[in-house]
Amino acid sequence: MKTLRFATISFVLTTAAFAQQAAPPCAGLPPGRHALLERLTAQLNLTCGQQLKIEPLLHDEESVTKPLLKFTSLSQEEQQGIMTTIKLAARRQVRTQLTPEQQKGMDAEVESVSKGGKKKGDAKKVDAAPGLEVEESLSQAIVAYAALTPAEKNAMLLKVKQAARNDSALQLTPAQQKQLDSEIQALKK
């Protein structure tokens, strides 16, 4: 009898502990898994309202990082540098949605990202498409990403276009070479 009572009490306490840990889903979020949003929610104790404002910001970040991962013309160090700039820009936007107390936690997140929080081997590799389509897609995503400053956009675009121009695997036509040369010169001004 004591064993049954002990087992019942243990079950109830364990269930209650798990129920407290799992935050209820926020109504209004798009379907799917939002790993970074879930991590930030747990770290910073985000409200549902904050989650609804932050999710689109993280989605916009992803709209740049996905093409970046497909773009194979950059060295691993260049890619990591651009990725860090994108992540820091996203964190700047997210920070504006936080309370002063939450901002302290975000500052720790920013410091982790600045130091290269995710190791190079952790990045998901995506199959790359041949030709300049990936460069064009990445360049368009960089231009459209509102979290980046004009100087950050310019620096990224210059790196991307120079990497594409110097990548012999792309087998650029003379017209494509000329176009990239022209774009590079414009970005250097």
Foldseek 3Di string as FASTA:
>chain_A
DVVVVVVVVVVVVVVVVVVVQDDDDQPPDDDDDDVVLVVLCNQLVDDSVLSNVLVVLVVLLVQQLVLLLQQPLADLVLSLVLNLLSVLLSLVVSLVSDDPVSNVSSVVVNVCSVVVVDDSVPDDHDHHDAACPSLVSNLVSLVPNPSDDPVSSLVNNLSSLVSNLPDVRNVDDPVSNVVSVVVNVVSVD
